[in-house]
Amino acid sequence: QVQVVESGGGLVQPGESMRLSCEVSRRIGDYNMGWYRQAPGQQRDVVARITPAGISIYADSVKGRFTISRDNAKNMVYLQMNSQKPEDTAVYYCNTYVANIFVWGQGTQVTVSS
């Protein structure tokens, strides 16, 4: 079974930055990968996605603030989050995009609060 492990979350103040990491236990080079988030009481939505070649697309809510990147040699996906807002508070997950091929990991909690 493929393992997906997200890390890097925590508590930050509004305006601060944070970098999330996602490690996958198999080769991801052929897949579109995405970062998703789920806030309490809400559905899980994609916030950023990246093609195998590195082309990235963002949700309007994070455009200009978040940057997704990948290292196919290490089977890693990253999410750099700048100028964070309280509404970014959620559990963040990574998986393939559009179809979520991998079993969901535990996610990493991000809390933006003063």
PDB file of N, CA and C in Angstrom:
ATOM      1  N   GLN A   1       0.853  -1.184   0.000  1.00  0.00           N
ATOM      2  CA  GLN A   1       0.000   0.000   0.000  1.00  0.00           C
ATOM      3  C   GLN A   1       0.892   1.237   0.000  1.00  0.00           C
ATOM      4  N   VAL A   2       0.521   2.207  -0.833  1.00  0.00           N
ATOM      5  CA  VAL A   2       1.287   3.441  -0.912  1.00  0.00           C
ATOM      6  C   VAL A   2       1.079   4.267   0.356  1.00  0.00           C
ATOM      7  N   GLN A   3       2.154   4.778   0.901  1.00  0.00           N
ATOM      8  CA  GLN A   3       2.094   5.647   2.080  1.00  0.00           C
ATOM      9  C   GLN A   3       2.274   7.100   1.654  1.00  0.00           C
ATOM     10  N   VAL A   4       1.411   7.947   2.177  1.00  0.00           N
ATOM     11  CA  VAL A   4       1.510   9.387   1.945  1.00  0.00           C
ATOM     12  C   VAL A   4       1.641  10.056   3.307  1.00  0.00           C
ATOM     13  N   VAL A   5       2.702  10.820   3.491  1.00  0.00           N
ATOM     14  CA  VAL A   5       2.941  11.461   4.780  1.00  0.00           C
ATOM     15  C   VAL A   5       3.126  12.958   4.570  1.00  0.00           C
ATOM     16  N   GLU A   6       2.198  13.717   5.132  1.00  0.00           N
ATOM     17  CA  GLU A   6       2.282  15.177   5.094  1.00  0.00           C
ATOM     18  C   GLU A   6       2.913  15.690   6.379  1.00  0.00           C
ATOM     19  N   SER A   7       3.680  16.766   6.277  1.00  0.00           N
ATOM     20  CA  SER A   7       4.332  17.340   7.456  1.00  0.00           C
ATOM     21  C   SER A   7       4.567  18.829   7.260  1.00  0.00           C
ATOM     22  N   GLY A   8       4.917  19.489   8.358  1.00  0.00           N
ATOM     23  CA  GLY A   8       5.272  20.898   8.287  1.00  0.00           C
ATOM     24  C   GLY A   8       4.239  21.858   8.824  1.00  0.00           C
ATOM     25  N   GLY A   9       3.088  21.350   9.228  1.00  0.00           N
ATOM     26  CA  GLY A   9       2.046  22.226   9.742  1.00  0.00           C
ATOM     27  C   GLY A   9       2.346  22.724  11.141  1.00  0.00           C
ATOM     28  N   GLY A  10       1.461  23.566  11.637  1.00  0.00           N
ATOM     29  CA  GLY A  10       1.624  24.113  12.971  1.00  0.00           C
ATOM     30  C   GLY A  10       0.811  25.377  13.123  1.00  0.00           C
ATOM     31  N   LEU A  11       1.171  26.165  14.121  1.00  0.00           N
ATOM     32  CA  LEU A  11       0.473  27.419  14.424  1.00  0.00           C
ATOM     33  C   LEU A  11       1.321  28.597  13.946  1.00  0.00           C
ATOM     34  N   VAL A  12       0.722  29.466  13.154  1.00  0.00           N
ATOM     35  CA  VAL A  12       1.406  30.675  12.710  1.00  0.00           C
ATOM     36  C   VAL A  12       0.473  31.858  12.876  1.00  0.00           C
ATOM     37  N   GLN A  13       1.069  33.048  12.896  1.00  0.00           N
ATOM     38  CA  GLN A  13       0.276  34.267  12.972  1.00  0.00           C
ATOM     39  C   GLN A  13      -0.074  34.741  11.565  1.00  0.00           C
ATOM     40  N   PRO A  14      -1.154  35.488  11.439  1.00  0.00           N
ATOM     41  CA  PRO A  14      -1.500  36.039  10.123  1.00  0.00           C
ATOM     42  C   PRO A  14      -0.327  36.799   9.512  1.00  0.00           C
ATOM     43  N   GLY A  15      -0.113  36.595   8.227  1.00  0.00           N
ATOM     44  CA  GLY A  15       0.972  37.247   7.526  1.00  0.00           C
ATOM     45  C   GLY A  15       2.261  36.448   7.472  1.00  0.00           C
ATOM     46  N   GLU A  16       2.363  35.415   8.293  1.00  0.00           N
ATOM     47  CA  GLU A  16       3.581  34.612   8.320  1.00  0.00           C
ATOM     48  C   GLU A  16       3.570  33.537   7.231  1.00  0.00           C
ATOM     49  N   SER A  17       4.697  32.829   7.145  1.00  0.00           N
ATOM     50  CA  SER A  17       4.881  31.812   6.104  1.00  0.00           C
ATOM     51  C   SER A  17       5.089  30.437   6.724  1.00  0.00           C
ATOM     52  N   MET A  18       4.864  29.428   5.880  1.00  0.00           N
ATOM     53  CA  MET A  18       5.034  28.043   6.316  1.00  0.00           C
ATOM     54  C   MET A  18       5.229  27.193   5.064  1.00  0.00           C
ATOM     55  N   ARG A  19       6.007  26.120   5.203  1.00  0.00           N
ATOM     56  CA  ARG A  19       6.221  25.209   4.074  1.00  0.00           C
ATOM     57  C   ARG A  19       5.791  23.806   4.465  1.00  0.00           C
ATOM     58  N   LEU A  20       4.887  23.245   3.693  1.00  0.00           N
ATOM     59  CA  LEU A  20       4.431  21.880   3.909  1.00  0.00           C
ATOM     60  C   LEU A  20       5.179  20.935   2.976  1.00  0.00           C
ATOM     61  N   SER A  21       5.365  19.706   3.453  1.00  0.00           N
ATOM     62  CA  SER A  21       6.009  18.679   2.649  1.00  0.00           C
ATOM     63  C   SER A  21       5.117  17.451   2.583  1.00  0.00           C
ATOM     64  N   CYS A  22       5.200  16.745   1.467  1.00  0.00           N
ATOM     65  CA  CYS A  22       4.446  15.505   1.282  1.00  0.00           C
ATOM     66  C   CYS A  22       5.406  14.478   0.706  1.00  0.00           C
ATOM     67  N   GLU A  23       5.562  13.379   1.411  1.00  0.00           N
ATOM     68  CA  GLU A  23       6.424  12.299   0.952  1.00  0.00           C
ATOM     69  C   GLU A  23       5.554  11.110   0.566  1.00  0.00           C
ATOM     70  N   VAL A  24       5.787  10.582  -0.619  1.00  0.00           N
ATOM     71  CA  VAL A  24       5.022   9.445  -1.119  1.00  0.00           C
ATOM     72  C   VAL A  24       5.960   8.260  -1.285  1.00  0.00           C
ATOM     73  N   SER A  25       5.479   7.079  -0.931  1.00  0.00           N
ATOM     74  CA  SER A  25       6.347   5.898  -0.893  1.00  0.00           C
ATOM     75  C   SER A  25       6.473   5.194  -2.238  1.00  0.00           C
ATOM     76  N   ARG A  26       6.006   5.833  -3.302  1.00  0.00           N
ATOM     77  CA  ARG A  26       6.196   5.277  -4.623  1.00  0.00           C
ATOM     78  C   ARG A  26       6.488   6.404  -5.604  1.00  0.00           C
ATOM     79  N   ARG A  27       6.839   6.054  -6.807  1.00  0.00           N
ATOM     80  CA  ARG A  27       7.190   7.016  -7.834  1.00  0.00           C
ATOM     81  C   ARG A  27       5.981   7.859  -8.226  1.00  0.00           C
ATOM     82  N   ILE A  28       6.157   9.171  -8.217  1.00  0.00           N
ATOM     83  CA  ILE A  28       5.052  10.070  -8.530  1.00  0.00           C
ATOM     84  C   ILE A  28       5.254  10.814  -9.835  1.00  0.00           C
ATOM     85  N   GLY A  29       6.337  10.538 -10.526  1.00  0.00           N
ATOM     86  CA  GLY A  29       6.709  11.329 -11.692  1.00  0.00           C
ATOM     87  C   GLY A  29       5.689  11.373 -12.806  1.00  0.00           C
ATOM     88  N   ASP A  30       4.806  10.391 -12.875  1.00  0.00           N
ATOM     89  CA  ASP A  30       3.821  10.342 -13.963  1.00  0.00           C
ATOM     90  C   ASP A  30       2.483  10.984 -13.592  1.00  0.00           C
ATOM     91  N   TYR A  31       2.355  11.446 -12.369  1.00  0.00           N
ATOM     92  CA  TYR A  31       1.055  11.902 -11.874  1.00  0.00           C
ATOM     93  C   TYR A  31       0.968  13.412 -11.710  1.00  0.00           C
ATOM     94  N   ASN A  32      -0.248  13.939 -12.004  1.00  0.00           N
ATOM     95  CA  ASN A  32      -0.588  15.263 -11.501  1.00  0.00           C
ATOM     96  C   ASN A  32      -0.751  15.132  -9.996  1.00  0.00           C
ATOM     97  N   MET A  33      -0.161  16.033  -9.241  1.00  0.00           N
ATOM     98  CA  MET A  33      -0.267  15.993  -7.787  1.00  0.00           C
ATOM     99  C   MET A  33      -0.961  17.252  -7.295  1.00  0.00           C
ATOM    100  N   GLY A  34      -1.664  17.113  -6.178  1.00  0.00           N
ATOM    101  CA  GLY A  34      -2.390  18.256  -5.638  1.00  0.00           C
ATOM    102  C   GLY A  34      -2.268  18.360  -4.142  1.00  0.00           C
ATOM    103  N   TRP A  35      -2.368  19.586  -3.655  1.00  0.00           N
ATOM    104  CA  TRP A  35      -2.533  19.840  -2.224  1.00  0.00           C
ATOM    105  C   TRP A  35      -4.008  20.191  -2.007  1.00  0.00           C
ATOM    106  N   TYR A  36      -4.593  19.556  -1.009  1.00  0.00           N
ATOM    107  CA  TYR A  36      -5.986  19.756  -0.662  1.00  0.00           C
ATOM    108  C   TYR A  36      -6.056  20.247   0.780  1.00  0.00           C
ATOM    109  N   ARG A  37      -7.175  20.861   1.127  1.00  0.00           N
ATOM    110  CA  ARG A  37      -7.373  21.226   2.525  1.00  0.00           C
ATOM    111  C   ARG A  37      -8.822  21.051   2.911  1.00  0.00           C
ATOM    112  N   GLN A  38      -9.009  20.782   4.204  1.00  0.00           N
ATOM    113  CA  GLN A  38     -10.349  20.590   4.730  1.00  0.00           C
ATOM    114  C   GLN A  38     -10.461  21.320   6.058  1.00  0.00           C
ATOM    115  N   ALA A  39     -11.327  22.306   6.100  1.00  0.00           N
ATOM    116  CA  ALA A  39     -11.603  23.030   7.324  1.00  0.00           C
ATOM    117  C   ALA A  39     -12.751  22.334   8.058  1.00  0.00           C
ATOM    118  N   PRO A  40     -12.880  22.548   9.357  1.00  0.00           N
ATOM    119  CA  PRO A  40     -13.957  21.898  10.123  1.00  0.00           C
ATOM    120  C   PRO A  40     -15.328  22.178   9.512  1.00  0.00           C
ATOM    121  N   GLY A  41     -16.089  21.111   9.298  1.00  0.00           N
ATOM    122  CA  GLY A  41     -17.430  21.254   8.767  1.00  0.00           C
ATOM    123  C   GLY A  41     -17.519  21.523   7.283  1.00  0.00           C
ATOM    124  N   GLN A  42     -16.380  21.500   6.603  1.00  0.00           N
ATOM    125  CA  GLN A  42     -16.385  21.779   5.172  1.00  0.00           C
ATOM    126  C   GLN A  42     -15.829  20.591   4.391  1.00  0.00           C
ATOM    127  N   GLN A  43     -16.066  20.578   3.101  1.00  0.00           N
ATOM    128  CA  GLN A  43     -15.544  19.502   2.276  1.00  0.00           C
ATOM    129  C   GLN A  43     -14.072  19.739   1.978  1.00  0.00           C
ATOM    130  N   ARG A  44     -13.405  18.693   1.546  1.00  0.00           N
ATOM    131  CA  ARG A  44     -11.998  18.783   1.173  1.00  0.00           C
ATOM    132  C   ARG A  44     -11.893  19.315  -0.253  1.00  0.00           C
ATOM    133  N   ASP A  45     -11.136  20.375  -0.428  1.00  0.00           N
ATOM    134  CA  ASP A  45     -11.001  21.019  -1.732  1.00  0.00           C
ATOM    135  C   ASP A  45      -9.532  21.121  -2.121  1.00  0.00           C
ATOM    136  N   VAL A  46      -9.274  21.092  -3.405  1.00  0.00           N
ATOM    137  CA  VAL A  46      -7.917  21.262  -3.896  1.00  0.00           C
ATOM    138  C   VAL A  46      -7.558  22.750  -3.856  1.00  0.00           C
ATOM    139  N   VAL A  47      -6.366  23.074  -3.399  1.00  0.00           N
ATOM    140  CA  VAL A  47      -5.919  24.467  -3.389  1.00  0.00           C
ATOM    141  C   VAL A  47      -4.811  24.719  -4.401  1.00  0.00           C
ATOM    142  N   ALA A  48      -4.086  23.669  -4.771  1.00  0.00           N
ATOM    143  CA  ALA A  48      -3.021  23.821  -5.762  1.00  0.00           C
ATOM    144  C   ALA A  48      -2.740  22.469  -6.388  1.00  0.00           C
ATOM    145  N   ARG A  49      -2.372  22.477  -7.656  1.00  0.00           N
ATOM    146  CA  ARG A  49      -2.030  21.231  -8.318  1.00  0.00           C
ATOM    147  C   ARG A  49      -0.881  21.490  -9.284  1.00  0.00           C
ATOM    148  N   ILE A  50      -0.166  20.408  -9.598  1.00  0.00           N
ATOM    149  CA  ILE A  50       1.029  20.545 -10.423  1.00  0.00           C
ATOM    150  C   ILE A  50       1.152  19.336 -11.337  1.00  0.00           C
ATOM    151  N   THR A  51       1.484  19.598 -12.594  1.00  0.00           N
ATOM    152  CA  THR A  51       1.651  18.517 -13.563  1.00  0.00           C
ATOM    153  C   THR A  51       3.028  17.876 -13.406  1.00  0.00           C
ATOM    154  N   PRO A  52       3.231  16.725 -14.035  1.00  0.00           N
ATOM    155  CA  PRO A  52       4.576  16.110 -13.974  1.00  0.00           C
ATOM    156  C   PRO A  52       5.671  17.043 -14.483  1.00  0.00           C
ATOM    157  N   ALA A  53       5.344  17.913 -15.411  1.00  0.00           N
ATOM    158  CA  ALA A  53       6.339  18.833 -15.966  1.00  0.00           C
ATOM    159  C   ALA A  53       6.518  20.087 -15.123  1.00  0.00           C
ATOM    160  N   GLY A  54       5.690  20.239 -14.094  1.00  0.00           N
ATOM    161  CA  GLY A  54       5.870  21.380 -13.202  1.00  0.00           C
ATOM    162  C   GLY A  54       4.947  22.558 -13.441  1.00  0.00           C
ATOM    163  N   ILE A  55       3.939  22.403 -14.274  1.00  0.00           N
ATOM    164  CA  ILE A  55       2.963  23.477 -14.476  1.00  0.00           C
ATOM    165  C   ILE A  55       1.983  23.468 -13.306  1.00  0.00           C
ATOM    166  N   SER A  56       1.779  24.625 -12.706  1.00  0.00           N
ATOM    167  CA  SER A  56       0.963  24.689 -11.487  1.00  0.00           C
ATOM    168  C   SER A  56      -0.286  25.543 -11.704  1.00  0.00           C
ATOM    169  N   ILE A  57      -1.346  25.170 -11.007  1.00  0.00           N
ATOM    170  CA  ILE A  57      -2.629  25.882 -11.044  1.00  0.00           C
ATOM    171  C   ILE A  57      -3.123  26.030  -9.622  1.00  0.00           C
ATOM    172  N   TYR A  58      -3.712  27.190  -9.332  1.00  0.00           N
ATOM    173  CA  TYR A  58      -4.095  27.495  -7.953  1.00  0.00           C
ATOM    174  C   TYR A  58      -5.569  27.888  -7.855  1.00  0.00           C
ATOM    175  N   ALA A  59      -6.141  27.588  -6.705  1.00  0.00           N
ATOM    176  CA  ALA A  59      -7.462  28.113  -6.387  1.00  0.00           C
ATOM    177  C   ALA A  59      -7.360  29.625  -6.213  1.00  0.00           C
ATOM    178  N   ASP A  60      -8.435  30.323  -6.540  1.00  0.00           N
ATOM    179  CA  ASP A  60      -8.418  31.783  -6.433  1.00  0.00           C
ATOM    180  C   ASP A  60      -8.073  32.250  -5.017  1.00  0.00           C
ATOM    181  N   SER A  61      -8.489  31.487  -4.030  1.00  0.00           N
ATOM    182  CA  SER A  61      -8.294  31.893  -2.638  1.00  0.00           C
ATOM    183  C   SER A  61      -6.830  31.917  -2.220  1.00  0.00           C
ATOM    184  N   VAL A  62      -5.957  31.229  -2.955  1.00  0.00           N
ATOM    185  CA  VAL A  62      -4.547  31.164  -2.557  1.00  0.00           C
ATOM    186  C   VAL A  62      -3.612  31.698  -3.627  1.00  0.00           C
ATOM    187  N   LYS A  63      -4.157  32.074  -4.764  1.00  0.00           N
ATOM    188  CA  LYS A  63      -3.339  32.534  -5.887  1.00  0.00           C
ATOM    189  C   LYS A  63      -2.506  33.743  -5.472  1.00  0.00           C
ATOM    190  N   GLY A  64      -1.229  33.694  -5.788  1.00  0.00           N
ATOM    191  CA  GLY A  64      -0.320  34.775  -5.433  1.00  0.00           C
ATOM    192  C   GLY A  64       0.296  34.646  -4.050  1.00  0.00           C
ATOM    193  N   ARG A  65      -0.214  33.719  -3.257  1.00  0.00           N
ATOM    194  CA  ARG A  65       0.314  33.526  -1.890  1.00  0.00           C
ATOM    195  C   ARG A  65       0.960  32.154  -1.710  1.00  0.00           C
ATOM    196  N   PHE A  66       0.413  31.141  -2.368  1.00  0.00           N
ATOM    197  CA  PHE A  66       0.911  29.772  -2.227  1.00  0.00           C
ATOM    198  C   PHE A  66       1.676  29.375  -3.484  1.00  0.00           C
ATOM    199  N   THR A  67       2.674  28.508  -3.286  1.00  0.00           N
ATOM    200  CA  THR A  67       3.437  27.961  -4.407  1.00  0.00           C
ATOM    201  C   THR A  67       3.612  26.469  -4.202  1.00  0.00           C
ATOM    202  N   ILE A  68       3.169  25.698  -5.188  1.00  0.00           N
ATOM    203  CA  ILE A  68       3.352  24.248  -5.143  1.00  0.00           C
ATOM    204  C   ILE A  68       4.581  23.891  -5.970  1.00  0.00           C
ATOM    205  N   SER A  69       5.322  22.906  -5.508  1.00  0.00           N
ATOM    206  CA  SER A  69       6.490  22.436  -6.252  1.00  0.00           C
ATOM    207  C   SER A  69       6.650  20.941  -6.013  1.00  0.00           C
ATOM    208  N   ARG A  70       7.508  20.330  -6.785  1.00  0.00           N
ATOM    209  CA  ARG A  70       7.693  18.889  -6.649  1.00  0.00           C
ATOM    210  C   ARG A  70       9.137  18.509  -6.942  1.00  0.00           C
ATOM    211  N   ASP A  71       9.555  17.396  -6.352  1.00  0.00           N
ATOM    212  CA  ASP A  71      10.856  16.807  -6.639  1.00  0.00           C
ATOM    213  C   ASP A  71      10.584  15.351  -6.995  1.00  0.00           C
ATOM    214  N   ASN A  72      10.496  15.059  -8.270  1.00  0.00           N
ATOM    215  CA  ASN A  72      10.130  13.711  -8.698  1.00  0.00           C
ATOM    216  C   ASN A  72      11.181  12.674  -8.297  1.00  0.00           C
ATOM    217  N   ALA A  73      12.425  13.079  -8.232  1.00  0.00           N
ATOM    218  CA  ALA A  73      13.483  12.135  -7.851  1.00  0.00           C
ATOM    219  C   ALA A  73      13.320  11.670  -6.407  1.00  0.00           C
ATOM    220  N   LYS A  74      12.770  12.535  -5.573  1.00  0.00           N
ATOM    221  CA  LYS A  74      12.586  12.205  -4.153  1.00  0.00           C
ATOM    222  C   LYS A  74      11.145  11.809  -3.834  1.00  0.00           C
ATOM    223  N   ASN A  75      10.259  11.848  -4.842  1.00  0.00           N
ATOM    224  CA  ASN A  75       8.837  11.559  -4.619  1.00  0.00           C
ATOM    225  C   ASN A  75       8.250  12.484  -3.562  1.00  0.00           C
ATOM    226  N   MET A  76       8.568  13.757  -3.684  1.00  0.00           N
ATOM    227  CA  MET A  76       8.129  14.767  -2.722  1.00  0.00           C
ATOM    228  C   MET A  76       7.341  15.859  -3.432  1.00  0.00           C
ATOM    229  N   VAL A  77       6.353  16.399  -2.713  1.00  0.00           N
ATOM    230  CA  VAL A  77       5.583  17.549  -3.166  1.00  0.00           C
ATOM    231  C   VAL A  77       5.585  18.565  -2.022  1.00  0.00           C
ATOM    232  N   TYR A  78       5.708  19.840  -2.372  1.00  0.00           N
ATOM    233  CA  TYR A  78       5.812  20.892  -1.361  1.00  0.00           C
ATOM    234  C   TYR A  78       4.742  21.954  -1.584  1.00  0.00           C
ATOM    235  N   LEU A  79       4.403  22.651  -0.508  1.00  0.00           N
ATOM    236  CA  LEU A  79       3.498  23.790  -0.607  1.00  0.00           C
ATOM    237  C   LEU A  79       4.065  24.917   0.248  1.00  0.00           C
ATOM    238  N   GLN A  80       4.551  25.948  -0.407  1.00  0.00           N
ATOM    239  CA  GLN A  80       5.016  27.137   0.288  1.00  0.00           C
ATOM    240  C   GLN A  80       3.841  28.085   0.453  1.00  0.00           C
ATOM    241  N   MET A  81       3.552  28.437   1.688  1.00  0.00           N
ATOM    242  CA  MET A  81       2.405  29.290   1.984  1.00  0.00           C
ATOM    243  C   MET A  81       2.901  30.593   2.593  1.00  0.00           C
ATOM    244  N   ASN A  82       2.673  31.687   1.901  1.00  0.00           N
ATOM    245  CA  ASN A  82       3.072  33.012   2.376  1.00  0.00           C
ATOM    246  C   ASN A  82       1.839  33.857   2.670  1.00  0.00           C
ATOM    247  N   SER A  83       2.051  34.922   3.407  1.00  0.00           N
ATOM    248  CA  SER A  83       0.965  35.865   3.722  1.00  0.00           C
ATOM    249  C   SER A  83      -0.299  35.127   4.172  1.00  0.00           C
ATOM    250  N   GLN A  84      -0.116  34.249   5.119  1.00  0.00           N
ATOM    251  CA  GLN A  84      -1.231  33.400   5.518  1.00  0.00           C
ATOM    252  C   GLN A  84      -2.338  34.179   6.220  1.00  0.00           C
ATOM    253  N   LYS A  85      -3.556  33.662   6.047  1.00  0.00           N
ATOM    254  CA  LYS A  85      -4.745  34.284   6.596  1.00  0.00           C
ATOM    255  C   LYS A  85      -5.447  33.300   7.524  1.00  0.00           C
ATOM    256  N   PRO A  86      -6.256  33.796   8.438  1.00  0.00           N
ATOM    257  CA  PRO A  86      -6.999  32.877   9.324  1.00  0.00           C
ATOM    258  C   PRO A  86      -7.837  31.868   8.545  1.00  0.00           C
ATOM    259  N   GLU A  87      -8.348  32.264   7.385  1.00  0.00           N
ATOM    260  CA  GLU A  87      -9.163  31.337   6.592  1.00  0.00           C
ATOM    261  C   GLU A  87      -8.347  30.227   5.932  1.00  0.00           C
ATOM    262  N   ASP A  88      -7.031  30.267   6.060  1.00  0.00           N
ATOM    263  CA  ASP A  88      -6.192  29.154   5.595  1.00  0.00           C
ATOM    264  C   ASP A  88      -6.146  28.014   6.624  1.00  0.00           C
ATOM    265  N   THR A  89      -6.714  28.237   7.774  1.00  0.00           N
ATOM    266  CA  THR A  89      -6.738  27.209   8.812  1.00  0.00           C
ATOM    267  C   THR A  89      -7.497  25.981   8.335  1.00  0.00           C
ATOM    268  N   ALA A  90      -6.826  24.835   8.357  1.00  0.00           N
ATOM    269  CA  ALA A  90      -7.411  23.589   7.862  1.00  0.00           C
ATOM    270  C   ALA A  90      -6.402  22.463   8.058  1.00  0.00           C
ATOM    271  N   VAL A  91      -6.857  21.252   7.788  1.00  0.00           N
ATOM    272  CA  VAL A  91      -5.943  20.124   7.655  1.00  0.00           C
ATOM    273  C   VAL A  91      -5.586  20.017   6.176  1.00  0.00           C
ATOM    274  N   TYR A  92      -4.288  19.934   5.904  1.00  0.00           N
ATOM    275  CA  TYR A  92      -3.793  19.897   4.531  1.00  0.00           C
ATOM    276  C   TYR A  92      -3.338  18.487   4.169  1.00  0.00           C
ATOM    277  N   TYR A  93      -3.721  18.057   2.971  1.00  0.00           N
ATOM    278  CA  TYR A  93      -3.411  16.726   2.470  1.00  0.00           C
ATOM    279  C   TYR A  93      -2.813  16.835   1.063  1.00  0.00           C
ATOM    280  N   CYS A  94      -2.090  15.798   0.676  1.00  0.00           N
ATOM    281  CA  CYS A  94      -1.700  15.735  -0.736  1.00  0.00           C
ATOM    282  C   CYS A  94      -2.157  14.397  -1.307  1.00  0.00           C
ATOM    283  N   ASN A  95      -2.366  14.397  -2.610  1.00  0.00           N
ATOM    284  CA  ASN A  95      -2.806  13.210  -3.319  1.00  0.00           C
ATOM    285  C   ASN A  95      -2.677  13.487  -4.803  1.00  0.00           C
ATOM    286  N   THR A  96      -2.940  12.496  -5.590  1.00  0.00           N
ATOM    287  CA  THR A  96      -2.966  12.704  -7.031  1.00  0.00           C
ATOM    288  C   THR A  96      -4.178  13.551  -7.399  1.00  0.00           C
ATOM    289  N   TYR A  97      -4.139  14.124  -8.613  1.00  0.00           N
ATOM    290  CA  TYR A  97      -5.228  14.983  -9.094  1.00  0.00           C
ATOM    291  C   TYR A  97      -5.571  14.560 -10.520  1.00  0.00           C
ATOM    292  N   VAL A  98      -6.762  14.441 -10.905  1.00  0.00           N
ATOM    293  CA  VAL A  98      -8.044  14.679 -10.285  1.00  0.00           C
ATOM    294  C   VAL A  98      -8.461  13.470  -9.438  1.00  0.00           C
ATOM    295  N   ALA A  99      -8.288  12.306 -10.027  1.00  0.00           N
ATOM    296  CA  ALA A  99      -8.631  11.091  -9.287  1.00  0.00           C
ATOM    297  C   ALA A  99      -7.637  10.908  -8.159  1.00  0.00           C
ATOM    298  N   ASN A 100      -8.132  10.658  -6.976  1.00  0.00           N
ATOM    299  CA  ASN A 100      -7.267  10.470  -5.807  1.00  0.00           C
ATOM    300  C   ASN A 100      -6.893   8.999  -5.705  1.00  0.00           C
ATOM    301  N   ILE A 101      -5.755   8.694  -6.304  1.00  0.00           N
ATOM    302  CA  ILE A 101      -5.346   7.300  -6.427  1.00  0.00           C
ATOM    303  C   ILE A 101      -4.826   6.731  -5.117  1.00  0.00           C
ATOM    304  N   PHE A 102      -4.133   7.566  -4.349  1.00  0.00           N
ATOM    305  CA  PHE A 102      -3.515   7.084  -3.116  1.00  0.00           C
ATOM    306  C   PHE A 102      -4.502   7.133  -1.960  1.00  0.00           C
ATOM    307  N   VAL A 103      -4.296   6.239  -1.011  1.00  0.00           N
ATOM    308  CA  VAL A 103      -5.056   6.325   0.230  1.00  0.00           C
ATOM    309  C   VAL A 103      -4.658   7.624   0.936  1.00  0.00           C
ATOM    310  N   TRP A 104      -5.629   8.349   1.439  1.00  0.00           N
ATOM    311  CA  TRP A 104      -5.335   9.621   2.080  1.00  0.00           C
ATOM    312  C   TRP A 104      -4.444   9.435   3.308  1.00  0.00           C
ATOM    313  N   GLY A 105      -3.473  10.316   3.457  1.00  0.00           N
ATOM    314  CA  GLY A 105      -2.650  10.306   4.650  1.00  0.00           C
ATOM    315  C   GLY A 105      -3.366  10.960   5.813  1.00  0.00           C
ATOM    316  N   GLN A 106      -2.635  11.176   6.878  1.00  0.00           N
ATOM    317  CA  GLN A 106      -3.207  11.782   8.085  1.00  0.00           C
ATOM    318  C   GLN A 106      -3.397  13.285   7.921  1.00  0.00           C
ATOM    319  N   GLY A 107      -2.683  13.857   6.976  1.00  0.00           N
ATOM    320  CA  GLY A 107      -2.744  15.296   6.814  1.00  0.00           C
ATOM    321  C   GLY A 107      -1.898  16.012   7.857  1.00  0.00           C
ATOM    322  N   THR A 108      -1.770  17.307   7.674  1.00  0.00           N
ATOM    323  CA  THR A 108      -1.047  18.128   8.640  1.00  0.00           C
ATOM    324  C   THR A 108      -1.872  19.365   8.949  1.00  0.00           C
ATOM    325  N   GLN A 109      -2.050  19.635  10.231  1.00  0.00           N
ATOM    326  CA  GLN A 109      -2.907  20.730  10.666  1.00  0.00           C
ATOM    327  C   GLN A 109      -2.175  22.063  10.539  1.00  0.00           C
ATOM    328  N   VAL A 110      -2.819  23.014   9.903  1.00  0.00           N
ATOM    329  CA  VAL A 110      -2.304  24.379   9.815  1.00  0.00           C
ATOM    330  C   VAL A 110      -3.310  25.294  10.499  1.00  0.00           C
ATOM    331  N   THR A 111      -2.826  26.050  11.459  1.00  0.00           N
ATOM    332  CA  THR A 111      -3.684  26.993  12.185  1.00  0.00           C
ATOM    333  C   THR A 111      -3.077  28.380  12.072  1.00  0.00           C
ATOM    334  N   VAL A 112      -3.867  29.314  11.553  1.00  0.00           N
ATOM    335  CA  VAL A 112      -3.408  30.691  11.404  1.00  0.00           C
ATOM    336  C   VAL A 112      -4.230  31.551  12.365  1.00  0.00           C
ATOM    337  N   SER A 113      -3.573  32.037  13.387  1.00  0.00           N
ATOM    338  CA  SER A 113      -4.289  32.768  14.423  1.00  0.00           C
ATOM    339  C   SER A 113      -3.325  33.675  15.171  1.00  0.00           C
ATOM    340  N   SER A 114      -3.852  34.822  15.599  1.00  0.00           N
ATOM    341  CA  SER A 114      -3.051  35.722  16.411  1.00  0.00           C
ATOM    342  C   SER A 114      -3.297  35.470  17.891  1.00  0.00           C
TER     343      SER A 114
END
